[in-house]
Amino acid sequence: MRRKKLTEEDIDELVIAEANDMTKWGKPVAVRPTTIRFSTSVIEKAKYLAKLHNTRGYQTWLKQIVEERIKLEEELLSDIKRGLKTAGK
């Protein structure tokens, strides 16, 4: 028996529906910090933008940008989940 190939939308709906069900999750995983490599041009641009934002260094600025983006993505996902719950009522 072949399974129906899930669309990206189907997968998103499944993940959102099961996100708060802790029985669907495995044990927490500890993640060590890692190195991210950027091209020279990206680093130069990051240095320039860090100076514009009066940030101590480009690595600090990049860290702030990534943390802000993750927070934004989490908020958007939460809003989507709330919208789906409201639409389902």
PDB file of N, CA and C in Angstrom:
ATOM      1  N   MET A   1       0.845  -1.185   0.000  1.00  0.00           N
ATOM      2  CA  MET A   1       0.000   0.000   0.000  1.00  0.00           C
ATOM      3  C   MET A   1       0.889   1.247   0.000  1.00  0.00           C
ATOM      4  N   ARG A   2       0.664   2.138  -0.948  1.00  0.00           N
ATOM      5  CA  ARG A   2       1.436   3.372  -1.014  1.00  0.00           C
ATOM      6  C   ARG A   2       0.784   4.444  -0.157  1.00  0.00           C
ATOM      7  N   ARG A   3       1.625   5.186   0.509  1.00  0.00           N
ATOM      8  CA  ARG A   3       1.118   6.297   1.316  1.00  0.00           C
ATOM      9  C   ARG A   3       0.991   7.535   0.449  1.00  0.00           C
ATOM     10  N   LYS A   4       0.013   8.337   0.767  1.00  0.00           N
ATOM     11  CA  LYS A   4      -0.174   9.602   0.069  1.00  0.00           C
ATOM     12  C   LYS A   4       0.993  10.518   0.398  1.00  0.00           C
ATOM     13  N   LYS A   5       1.574  11.113  -0.605  1.00  0.00           N
ATOM     14  CA  LYS A   5       2.676  12.044  -0.382  1.00  0.00           C
ATOM     15  C   LYS A   5       2.108  13.331   0.221  1.00  0.00           C
ATOM     16  N   LEU A   6       2.633  13.696   1.388  1.00  0.00           N
ATOM     17  CA  LEU A   6       2.138  14.886   2.072  1.00  0.00           C
ATOM     18  C   LEU A   6       2.688  16.149   1.436  1.00  0.00           C
ATOM     19  N   THR A   7       1.832  17.139   1.324  1.00  0.00           N
ATOM     20  CA  THR A   7       2.286  18.434   0.839  1.00  0.00           C
ATOM     21  C   THR A   7       2.940  19.183   1.994  1.00  0.00           C
ATOM     22  N   GLU A   8       3.621  20.248   1.674  1.00  0.00           N
ATOM     23  CA  GLU A   8       4.237  21.062   2.722  1.00  0.00           C
ATOM     24  C   GLU A   8       3.171  21.600   3.673  1.00  0.00           C
ATOM     25  N   GLU A   9       2.023  21.944   3.122  1.00  0.00           N
ATOM     26  CA  GLU A   9       0.911  22.446   3.944  1.00  0.00           C
ATOM     27  C   GLU A   9       0.396  21.355   4.884  1.00  0.00           C
ATOM     28  N   ASP A  10       0.294  20.118   4.383  1.00  0.00           N
ATOM     29  CA  ASP A  10      -0.139  18.990   5.221  1.00  0.00           C
ATOM     30  C   ASP A  10       0.829  18.788   6.384  1.00  0.00           C
ATOM     31  N   ILE A  11       2.120  18.837   6.075  1.00  0.00           N
ATOM     32  CA  ILE A  11       3.143  18.650   7.103  1.00  0.00           C
ATOM     33  C   ILE A  11       3.064  19.767   8.138  1.00  0.00           C
ATOM     34  N   ASP A  12       2.916  21.014   7.669  1.00  0.00           N
ATOM     35  CA  ASP A  12       2.794  22.144   8.594  1.00  0.00           C
ATOM     36  C   ASP A  12       1.611  21.951   9.533  1.00  0.00           C
ATOM     37  N   GLU A  13       0.479  21.522   8.999  1.00  0.00           N
ATOM     38  CA  GLU A  13      -0.716  21.320   9.820  1.00  0.00           C
ATOM     39  C   GLU A  13      -0.482  20.240  10.874  1.00  0.00           C
ATOM     40  N   LEU A  14       0.177  19.147  10.476  1.00  0.00           N
ATOM     41  CA  LEU A  14       0.477  18.075  11.434  1.00  0.00           C
ATOM     42  C   LEU A  14       1.395  18.556  12.544  1.00  0.00           C
ATOM     43  N   VAL A  15       2.446  19.268  12.164  1.00  0.00           N
ATOM     44  CA  VAL A  15       3.407  19.754  13.152  1.00  0.00           C
ATOM     45  C   VAL A  15       2.737  20.725  14.113  1.00  0.00           C
ATOM     46  N   ILE A  16       1.942  21.638  13.594  1.00  0.00           N
ATOM     47  CA  ILE A  16       1.265  22.617  14.449  1.00  0.00           C
ATOM     48  C   ILE A  16       0.278  21.918  15.375  1.00  0.00           C
ATOM     49  N   ALA A  17      -0.451  20.945  14.853  1.00  0.00           N
ATOM     50  CA  ALA A  17      -1.439  20.232  15.664  1.00  0.00           C
ATOM     51  C   ALA A  17      -0.775  19.451  16.800  1.00  0.00           C
ATOM     52  N   GLU A  18       0.436  18.941  16.566  1.00  0.00           N
ATOM     53  CA  GLU A  18       1.093  18.109  17.564  1.00  0.00           C
ATOM     54  C   GLU A  18       2.163  18.843  18.381  1.00  0.00           C
ATOM     55  N   ALA A  19       2.364  20.116  18.108  1.00  0.00           N
ATOM     56  CA  ALA A  19       3.461  20.852  18.737  1.00  0.00           C
ATOM     57  C   ALA A  19       3.372  20.876  20.262  1.00  0.00           C
ATOM     58  N   ASN A  20       2.190  20.986  20.814  1.00  0.00           N
ATOM     59  CA  ASN A  20       2.042  21.075  22.267  1.00  0.00           C
ATOM     60  C   ASN A  20       1.791  19.729  22.932  1.00  0.00           C
ATOM     61  N   ASP A  21       1.727  18.656  22.152  1.00  0.00           N
ATOM     62  CA  ASP A  21       1.516  17.317  22.695  1.00  0.00           C
ATOM     63  C   ASP A  21       2.870  16.710  23.041  1.00  0.00           C
ATOM     64  N   MET A  22       3.226  16.768  24.315  1.00  0.00           N
ATOM     65  CA  MET A  22       4.556  16.339  24.745  1.00  0.00           C
ATOM     66  C   MET A  22       4.805  14.847  24.517  1.00  0.00           C
ATOM     67  N   THR A  23       3.732  14.055  24.351  1.00  0.00           N
ATOM     68  CA  THR A  23       3.923  12.629  24.076  1.00  0.00           C
ATOM     69  C   THR A  23       4.470  12.406  22.663  1.00  0.00           C
ATOM     70  N   LYS A  24       4.360  13.395  21.815  1.00  0.00           N
ATOM     71  CA  LYS A  24       4.856  13.293  20.434  1.00  0.00           C
ATOM     72  C   LYS A  24       6.344  13.622  20.334  1.00  0.00           C
ATOM     73  N   TRP A  25       6.892  14.169  21.405  1.00  0.00           N
ATOM     74  CA  TRP A  25       8.285  14.608  21.390  1.00  0.00           C
ATOM     75  C   TRP A  25       9.176  13.575  22.064  1.00  0.00           C
ATOM     76  N   GLY A  26      10.411  13.503  21.618  1.00  0.00           N
ATOM     77  CA  GLY A  26      11.402  12.639  22.254  1.00  0.00           C
ATOM     78  C   GLY A  26      12.051  13.359  23.418  1.00  0.00           C
ATOM     79  N   LYS A  27      13.079  12.746  23.959  1.00  0.00           N
ATOM     80  CA  LYS A  27      13.805  13.364  25.056  1.00  0.00           C
ATOM     81  C   LYS A  27      14.540  14.605  24.544  1.00  0.00           C
ATOM     82  N   PRO A  28      14.698  15.633  25.409  1.00  0.00           N
ATOM     83  CA  PRO A  28      15.444  16.819  24.993  1.00  0.00           C
ATOM     84  C   PRO A  28      16.875  16.450  24.611  1.00  0.00           C
ATOM     85  N   VAL A  29      17.403  17.181  23.662  1.00  0.00           N
ATOM     86  CA  VAL A  29      18.755  16.945  23.187  1.00  0.00           C
ATOM     87  C   VAL A  29      19.604  18.158  23.526  1.00  0.00           C
ATOM     88  N   ALA A  30      20.766  17.906  24.119  1.00  0.00           N
ATOM     89  CA  ALA A  30      21.692  18.999  24.406  1.00  0.00           C
ATOM     90  C   ALA A  30      22.489  19.294  23.137  1.00  0.00           C
ATOM     91  N   VAL A  31      22.598  20.562  22.806  1.00  0.00           N
ATOM     92  CA  VAL A  31      23.305  20.963  21.600  1.00  0.00           C
ATOM     93  C   VAL A  31      24.459  21.875  21.993  1.00  0.00           C
ATOM     94  N   ARG A  32      25.636  21.501  21.525  1.00  0.00           N
ATOM     95  CA  ARG A  32      26.800  22.338  21.796  1.00  0.00           C
ATOM     96  C   ARG A  32      26.861  23.470  20.785  1.00  0.00           C
ATOM     97  N   PRO A  33      27.359  24.617  21.201  1.00  0.00           N
ATOM     98  CA  PRO A  33      27.540  25.699  20.221  1.00  0.00           C
ATOM     99  C   PRO A  33      28.465  25.227  19.111  1.00  0.00           C
ATOM    100  N   THR A  34      28.224  25.729  17.944  1.00  0.00           N
ATOM    101  CA  THR A  34      29.031  25.334  16.801  1.00  0.00           C
ATOM    102  C   THR A  34      29.505  26.564  16.046  1.00  0.00           C
ATOM    103  N   THR A  35      30.348  26.344  15.119  1.00  0.00           N
ATOM    104  CA  THR A  35      30.867  27.433  14.305  1.00  0.00           C
ATOM    105  C   THR A  35      30.060  27.524  13.029  1.00  0.00           C
ATOM    106  N   ILE A  36      29.714  28.733  12.659  1.00  0.00           N
ATOM    107  CA  ILE A  36      29.031  28.972  11.392  1.00  0.00           C
ATOM    108  C   ILE A  36      29.999  29.749  10.517  1.00  0.00           C
ATOM    109  N   ARG A  37      30.198  29.279   9.325  1.00  0.00           N
ATOM    110  CA  ARG A  37      31.131  29.938   8.407  1.00  0.00           C
ATOM    111  C   ARG A  37      30.355  30.799   7.419  1.00  0.00           C
ATOM    112  N   PHE A  38      30.811  32.034   7.278  1.00  0.00           N
ATOM    113  CA  PHE A  38      30.224  32.967   6.319  1.00  0.00           C
ATOM    114  C   PHE A  38      31.277  33.355   5.301  1.00  0.00           C
ATOM    115  N   SER A  39      30.814  33.778   4.149  1.00  0.00           N
ATOM    116  CA  SER A  39      31.752  34.259   3.133  1.00  0.00           C
ATOM    117  C   SER A  39      32.372  35.571   3.610  1.00  0.00           C
ATOM    118  N   THR A  40      33.485  35.910   3.007  1.00  0.00           N
ATOM    119  CA  THR A  40      34.175  37.156   3.366  1.00  0.00           C
ATOM    120  C   THR A  40      33.266  38.356   3.145  1.00  0.00           C
ATOM    121  N   SER A  41      32.505  38.343   2.053  1.00  0.00           N
ATOM    122  CA  SER A  41      31.633  39.492   1.772  1.00  0.00           C
ATOM    123  C   SER A  41      30.541  39.640   2.826  1.00  0.00           C
ATOM    124  N   VAL A  42      29.992  38.531   3.300  1.00  0.00           N
ATOM    125  CA  VAL A  42      28.963  38.590   4.347  1.00  0.00           C
ATOM    126  C   VAL A  42      29.571  39.124   5.638  1.00  0.00           C
ATOM    127  N   ILE A  43      30.756  38.682   5.973  1.00  0.00           N
ATOM    128  CA  ILE A  43      31.421  39.160   7.188  1.00  0.00           C
ATOM    129  C   ILE A  43      31.693  40.658   7.091  1.00  0.00           C
ATOM    130  N   GLU A  44      32.155  41.114   5.949  1.00  0.00           N
ATOM    131  CA  GLU A  44      32.411  42.555   5.770  1.00  0.00           C
ATOM    132  C   GLU A  44      31.129  43.367   5.927  1.00  0.00           C
ATOM    133  N   LYS A  45      30.045  42.873   5.361  1.00  0.00           N
ATOM    134  CA  LYS A  45      28.756  43.564   5.498  1.00  0.00           C
ATOM    135  C   LYS A  45      28.285  43.552   6.954  1.00  0.00           C
ATOM    136  N   ALA A  46      28.479  42.432   7.634  1.00  0.00           N
ATOM    137  CA  ALA A  46      28.088  42.327   9.037  1.00  0.00           C
ATOM    138  C   ALA A  46      28.909  43.291   9.894  1.00  0.00           C
ATOM    139  N   LYS A  47      30.184  43.412   9.609  1.00  0.00           N
ATOM    140  CA  LYS A  47      31.039  44.360  10.352  1.00  0.00           C
ATOM    141  C   LYS A  47      30.525  45.780  10.165  1.00  0.00           C
ATOM    142  N   TYR A  48      30.197  46.128   8.932  1.00  0.00           N
ATOM    143  CA  TYR A  48      29.697  47.462   8.634  1.00  0.00           C
ATOM    144  C   TYR A  48      28.389  47.728   9.379  1.00  0.00           C
ATOM    145  N   LEU A  49      27.457  46.776   9.303  1.00  0.00           N
ATOM    146  CA  LEU A  49      26.164  46.946   9.970  1.00  0.00           C
ATOM    147  C   LEU A  49      26.309  46.968  11.490  1.00  0.00           C
ATOM    148  N   ALA A  50      27.225  46.185  12.019  1.00  0.00           N
ATOM    149  CA  ALA A  50      27.464  46.196  13.472  1.00  0.00           C
ATOM    150  C   ALA A  50      27.913  47.581  13.918  1.00  0.00           C
ATOM    151  N   LYS A  51      28.771  48.213  13.122  1.00  0.00           N
ATOM    152  CA  LYS A  51      29.216  49.577  13.451  1.00  0.00           C
ATOM    153  C   LYS A  51      28.047  50.554  13.402  1.00  0.00           C
ATOM    154  N   LEU A  52      27.202  50.422  12.385  1.00  0.00           N
ATOM    155  CA  LEU A  52      26.035  51.305  12.275  1.00  0.00           C
ATOM    156  C   LEU A  52      25.119  51.182  13.480  1.00  0.00           C
ATOM    157  N   HIS A  53      25.033  49.984  14.030  1.00  0.00           N
ATOM    158  CA  HIS A  53      24.162  49.729  15.178  1.00  0.00           C
ATOM    159  C   HIS A  53      24.892  49.874  16.508  1.00  0.00           C
ATOM    160  N   ASN A  54      26.107  50.394  16.452  1.00  0.00           N
ATOM    161  CA  ASN A  54      26.927  50.595  17.660  1.00  0.00           C
ATOM    162  C   ASN A  54      27.037  49.316  18.493  1.00  0.00           C
ATOM    163  N   THR A  55      27.216  48.212  17.801  1.00  0.00           N
ATOM    164  CA  THR A  55      27.386  46.929  18.470  1.00  0.00           C
ATOM    165  C   THR A  55      28.873  46.669  18.637  1.00  0.00           C
ATOM    166  N   ARG A  56      29.214  46.007  19.715  1.00  0.00           N
ATOM    167  CA  ARG A  56      30.612  45.759  20.067  1.00  0.00           C
ATOM    168  C   ARG A  56      31.399  45.098  18.946  1.00  0.00           C
ATOM    169  N   GLY A  57      30.804  44.149  18.263  1.00  0.00           N
ATOM    170  CA  GLY A  57      31.477  43.457  17.171  1.00  0.00           C
ATOM    171  C   GLY A  57      30.466  42.779  16.279  1.00  0.00           C
ATOM    172  N   TYR A  58      30.917  42.365  15.118  1.00  0.00           N
ATOM    173  CA  TYR A  58      29.978  41.776  14.168  1.00  0.00           C
ATOM    174  C   TYR A  58      29.414  40.444  14.662  1.00  0.00           C
ATOM    175  N   GLN A  59      30.192  39.686  15.429  1.00  0.00           N
ATOM    176  CA  GLN A  59      29.678  38.416  15.931  1.00  0.00           C
ATOM    177  C   GLN A  59      28.554  38.642  16.938  1.00  0.00           C
ATOM    178  N   THR A  60      28.711  39.649  17.766  1.00  0.00           N
ATOM    179  CA  THR A  60      27.658  40.004  18.717  1.00  0.00           C
ATOM    180  C   THR A  60      26.409  40.450  17.968  1.00  0.00           C
ATOM    181  N   TRP A  61      26.604  41.258  16.929  1.00  0.00           N
ATOM    182  CA  TRP A  61      25.480  41.741  16.142  1.00  0.00           C
ATOM    183  C   TRP A  61      24.761  40.578  15.458  1.00  0.00           C
ATOM    184  N   LEU A  62      25.520  39.658  14.857  1.00  0.00           N
ATOM    185  CA  LEU A  62      24.920  38.497  14.204  1.00  0.00           C
ATOM    186  C   LEU A  62      24.139  37.645  15.205  1.00  0.00           C
ATOM    187  N   LYS A  63      24.698  37.466  16.402  1.00  0.00           N
ATOM    188  CA  LYS A  63      24.023  36.687  17.438  1.00  0.00           C
ATOM    189  C   LYS A  63      22.682  37.332  17.787  1.00  0.00           C
ATOM    190  N   GLN A  64      22.673  38.652  17.937  1.00  0.00           N
ATOM    191  CA  GLN A  64      21.431  39.363  18.245  1.00  0.00           C
ATOM    192  C   GLN A  64      20.410  39.196  17.126  1.00  0.00           C
ATOM    193  N   ILE A  65      20.867  39.292  15.882  1.00  0.00           N
ATOM    194  CA  ILE A  65      19.969  39.166  14.732  1.00  0.00           C
ATOM    195  C   ILE A  65      19.344  37.777  14.701  1.00  0.00           C
ATOM    196  N   VAL A  66      20.152  36.752  14.896  1.00  0.00           N
ATOM    197  CA  VAL A  66      19.631  35.376  14.877  1.00  0.00           C
ATOM    198  C   VAL A  66      18.642  35.166  16.013  1.00  0.00           C
ATOM    199  N   GLU A  67      18.971  35.640  17.219  1.00  0.00           N
ATOM    200  CA  GLU A  67      18.064  35.481  18.358  1.00  0.00           C
ATOM    201  C   GLU A  67      16.745  36.206  18.121  1.00  0.00           C
ATOM    202  N   GLU A  68      16.812  37.428  17.549  1.00  0.00           N
ATOM    203  CA  GLU A  68      15.592  38.176  17.242  1.00  0.00           C
ATOM    204  C   GLU A  68      14.745  37.428  16.217  1.00  0.00           C
ATOM    205  N   ARG A  69      15.399  36.858  15.211  1.00  0.00           N
ATOM    206  CA  ARG A  69      14.673  36.144  14.158  1.00  0.00           C
ATOM    207  C   ARG A  69      13.999  34.889  14.710  1.00  0.00           C
ATOM    208  N   ILE A  70      14.690  34.176  15.574  1.00  0.00           N
ATOM    209  CA  ILE A  70      14.100  32.981  16.179  1.00  0.00           C
ATOM    210  C   ILE A  70      12.883  33.355  17.010  1.00  0.00           C
ATOM    211  N   LYS A  71      12.991  34.428  17.787  1.00  0.00           N
ATOM    212  CA  LYS A  71      11.857  34.887  18.591  1.00  0.00           C
ATOM    213  C   LYS A  71      10.676  35.257  17.692  1.00  0.00           C
ATOM    214  N   LEU A  72      10.955  35.968  16.596  1.00  0.00           N
ATOM    215  CA  LEU A  72       9.907  36.349  15.651  1.00  0.00           C
ATOM    216  C   LEU A  72       9.240  35.113  15.053  1.00  0.00           C
ATOM    217  N   GLU A  73      10.042  34.138  14.632  1.00  0.00           N
ATOM    218  CA  GLU A  73       9.492  32.912  14.049  1.00  0.00           C
ATOM    219  C   GLU A  73       8.616  32.169  15.065  1.00  0.00           C
ATOM    220  N   GLU A  74       9.047  32.115  16.325  1.00  0.00           N
ATOM    221  CA  GLU A  74       8.251  31.457  17.368  1.00  0.00           C
ATOM    222  C   GLU A  74       6.929  32.172  17.566  1.00  0.00           C
ATOM    223  N   GLU A  75       6.950  33.506  17.559  1.00  0.00           N
ATOM    224  CA  GLU A  75       5.721  34.276  17.718  1.00  0.00           C
ATOM    225  C   GLU A  75       4.779  34.046  16.540  1.00  0.00           C
ATOM    226  N   LEU A  76       5.336  34.007  15.323  1.00  0.00           N
ATOM    227  CA  LEU A  76       4.512  33.771  14.140  1.00  0.00           C
ATOM    228  C   LEU A  76       3.878  32.384  14.188  1.00  0.00           C
ATOM    229  N   LEU A  77       4.644  31.387  14.581  1.00  0.00           N
ATOM    230  CA  LEU A  77       4.110  30.030  14.686  1.00  0.00           C
ATOM    231  C   LEU A  77       3.005  29.965  15.732  1.00  0.00           C
ATOM    232  N   SER A  78       3.212  30.659  16.842  1.00  0.00           N
ATOM    233  CA  SER A  78       2.199  30.696  17.893  1.00  0.00           C
ATOM    234  C   SER A  78       0.922  31.355  17.376  1.00  0.00           C
ATOM    235  N   ASP A  79       1.064  32.445  16.625  1.00  0.00           N
ATOM    236  CA  ASP A  79      -0.100  33.118  16.051  1.00  0.00           C
ATOM    237  C   ASP A  79      -0.841  32.204  15.082  1.00  0.00           C
ATOM    238  N   ILE A  80      -0.095  31.450  14.282  1.00  0.00           N
ATOM    239  CA  ILE A  80      -0.711  30.525  13.330  1.00  0.00           C
ATOM    240  C   ILE A  80      -1.484  29.449  14.083  1.00  0.00           C
ATOM    241  N   LYS A  81      -0.868  28.908  15.141  1.00  0.00           N
ATOM    242  CA  LYS A  81      -1.544  27.872  15.926  1.00  0.00           C
ATOM    243  C   LYS A  81      -2.833  28.414  16.524  1.00  0.00           C
ATOM    244  N   ARG A  82      -2.784  29.629  17.066  1.00  0.00           N
ATOM    245  CA  ARG A  82      -3.989  30.235  17.636  1.00  0.00           C
ATOM    246  C   ARG A  82      -5.052  30.427  16.567  1.00  0.00           C
ATOM    247  N   GLY A  83      -4.629  30.859  15.379  1.00  0.00           N
ATOM    248  CA  GLY A  83      -5.568  31.062  14.265  1.00  0.00           C
ATOM    249  C   GLY A  83      -6.220  29.762  13.838  1.00  0.00           C
ATOM    250  N   LEU A  84      -5.442  28.676  13.814  1.00  0.00           N
ATOM    251  CA  LEU A  84      -6.013  27.383  13.431  1.00  0.00           C
ATOM    252  C   LEU A  84      -7.004  26.899  14.486  1.00  0.00           C
ATOM    253  N   LYS A  85      -6.681  27.118  15.752  1.00  0.00           N
ATOM    254  CA  LYS A  85      -7.605  26.718  16.810  1.00  0.00           C
ATOM    255  C   LYS A  85      -8.903  27.502  16.721  1.00  0.00           C
ATOM    256  N   THR A  86      -8.774  28.806  16.452  1.00  0.00           N
ATOM    257  CA  THR A  86      -9.953  29.668  16.350  1.00  0.00           C
ATOM    258  C   THR A  86     -10.791  29.263  15.129  1.00  0.00           C
ATOM    259  N   ALA A  87     -10.132  28.968  14.034  1.00  0.00           N
ATOM    260  CA  ALA A  87     -10.839  28.581  12.809  1.00  0.00           C
ATOM    261  C   ALA A  87     -11.527  27.231  12.971  1.00  0.00           C
ATOM    262  N   GLY A  88     -10.988  26.372  13.837  1.00  0.00           N
ATOM    263  CA  GLY A  88     -11.548  25.050  14.033  1.00  0.00           C
ATOM    264  C   GLY A  88     -12.773  25.031  14.928  1.00  0.00           C
ATOM    265  N   LYS A  89     -13.056  26.139  15.583  1.00  0.00           N
ATOM    266  CA  LYS A  89     -14.202  26.195  16.514  1.00  0.00           C
ATOM    267  C   LYS A  89     -15.486  26.427  15.784  1.00  0.00           C
TER     268      LYS A  89
END
